Structures are given as C-alpha cells and as structure tokens.
Protein backbone atom coordinates (compact mmCIF):
# COMPACT_ATOMS: atom_id res chain seq x y z
CA GLY A 1 -78.60 219.31 97.09
CA VAL A 2 -80.81 222.41 97.01
CA PRO A 3 -83.89 222.24 99.62
CA TYR A 4 -86.93 223.17 98.14
CA GLY A 5 -87.16 226.82 100.24
CA GLY A 6 -83.88 227.20 99.39
CA ILE A 7 -84.96 227.12 95.38
CA TRP A 8 -87.95 229.63 95.98
CA ARG A 9 -85.42 231.95 98.09
CA ARG A 10 -82.70 232.48 95.87
CA ILE A 11 -83.72 231.07 92.68
CA LEU A 12 -87.90 231.20 91.93
CA LEU A 13 -89.17 234.52 94.05
CA PRO A 14 -85.89 236.13 92.86
CA MET A 15 -86.70 235.63 88.80
CA MET A 16 -89.98 235.56 89.41
CA GLY A 17 -89.78 239.56 90.98
CA ARG A 18 -87.06 240.64 88.39
CA ASP A 19 -89.88 240.00 85.88
CA SER A 20 -93.44 240.59 87.39
CA VAL A 21 -92.25 244.12 89.64
CA PRO A 22 -92.01 246.34 85.88
CA LEU A 23 -95.13 244.24 84.49
CA LEU A 24 -97.30 245.27 88.22
CA LEU A 25 -96.36 248.54 88.27
CA GLY A 26 -96.98 249.77 84.61
CA HIS A 27 -100.46 247.84 85.43
CA TRP A 28 -100.85 249.93 88.09
CA ILE A 29 -99.92 253.05 86.68
CA GLU A 30 -102.78 252.31 83.93
CA LEU A 31 -105.51 251.85 86.77
CA ALA A 32 -104.95 254.70 88.28
CA LYS A 33 -105.04 256.81 85.47
CA LEU A 34 -107.78 254.86 83.70
CA SER A 35 -109.76 256.10 87.89
CA THR A 36 -108.71 258.72 87.00
CA LEU A 37 -110.50 258.96 83.36
CA CYS A 38 -114.02 257.51 85.63
CA SER A 39 -113.73 260.47 88.03
CA ALA A 40 -113.67 262.84 85.16
CA ILE A 41 -116.86 261.17 83.60
CA ALA A 42 -118.39 260.83 86.82
CA LEU A 43 -117.14 263.94 88.37
CA PRO A 44 -117.03 263.08 92.48
CA GLU A 45 -114.06 263.90 95.11
CA LEU A 46 -111.53 266.08 92.98
CA LEU A 47 -113.59 267.40 90.26
CA ASN A 48 -116.20 267.86 92.99
CA THR A 49 -114.07 269.69 95.12
CA THR A 50 -112.37 271.92 92.06
CA SER A 51 -116.34 272.43 91.33
CA GLY A 52 -116.77 273.83 94.12
CA ILE A 53 -113.91 276.22 95.04
CA VAL A 54 -114.64 277.16 91.35
CA SER A 55 -118.31 278.19 92.40
CA ASN A 56 -116.82 279.44 95.33
CA THR A 57 -114.04 281.71 93.88
CA TYR A 58 -115.21 282.29 90.35
CA ARG A 59 -111.53 281.68 89.83
CA ALA A 60 -111.18 278.83 87.27
CA LEU A 61 -108.54 278.33 86.08
CA PRO A 62 -106.17 278.37 89.08
CA ALA A 63 -108.49 276.01 90.59
CA TYR A 64 -107.84 273.47 87.44
CA THR A 65 -104.19 273.94 86.58
CA ALA A 66 -103.92 272.87 90.87
CA LEU A 67 -105.53 270.11 90.26
CA GLY A 68 -104.00 268.66 86.39
CA LEU A 69 -100.91 269.46 88.99
CA VAL A 70 -101.62 267.17 91.22
CA PHE A 71 -102.14 264.51 89.18
CA ILE A 72 -99.29 265.71 87.34
CA VAL A 73 -97.22 265.15 90.88
CA VAL A 74 -98.92 261.72 91.08
CA LEU A 75 -98.04 259.88 88.17
CA LEU A 76 -94.77 261.14 86.32
CA PRO A 77 -92.77 259.88 88.93
CA LEU A 78 -94.70 256.97 88.56
CA ASN A 79 -94.23 256.87 85.22
CA LEU A 80 -90.43 257.93 85.18
CA LEU A 81 -90.39 254.13 87.73
CA TYR A 82 -92.05 252.02 85.48
CA GLN A 83 -89.40 253.24 82.65
CA ARG A 84 -86.87 252.81 84.58
CA LEU A 85 -87.35 249.92 85.35
CA GLU A 86 -88.23 248.35 82.29
CA THR A 87 -85.09 248.90 80.82
CA THR A 88 -83.03 247.57 84.10
CA LEU A 89 -85.08 244.85 84.89
CA PRO A 90 -86.56 243.66 81.04
CA VAL A 91 -88.54 240.92 80.77
CA LYS A 92 -87.36 237.21 78.94
CA ARG A 93 -90.17 236.34 76.71
C-alpha cells in the first residue's frame, strides 16, 4: 500500500545512503591522496610554488613543512570523518 515515491523516499534512499556514504568518502579520500602523489611526481601547483618560495628565500625546511601541514590539515579531518562513518554506519554484506 505504499506509493512508489514513498518506497524510494522512506526505504530505499536511507538504506543506500547508509551503505554508500562511508564507501564514497573512502574513495574520495583515496582520490585526494593519489592526486597528491601525482602532483608530487609531476611537480605542478603546490610543489612548484613551494620550490619557487625555496629558491627565493633559501629556506627549504619551513616551506616544505608548511606544505606538509597543508596536506595534513586537508586529509586528516577527512580520514577521521571516514573512520567515524565506517564505525557508525556499518555496511551489511
């Protein structure tokens, strides 16, 4: 007796969200890490800018430390969110 839209809204979408959100977030974090690795290999954007700063100031340690902190500030909260979602929204297999 439930209409078709009600089945999707009240049953299917909450189940799909609960099961897919942790997995999608995990893939997104992995993509961010891999794109960081690719940028480290190709030397565009952040690493190139950091190299320019180092060549101007001759201070490599603070520049690369700041770059590492940027990556930590971006990726650490996402990893913590992923771990929390993974434990609170377990995927049933």
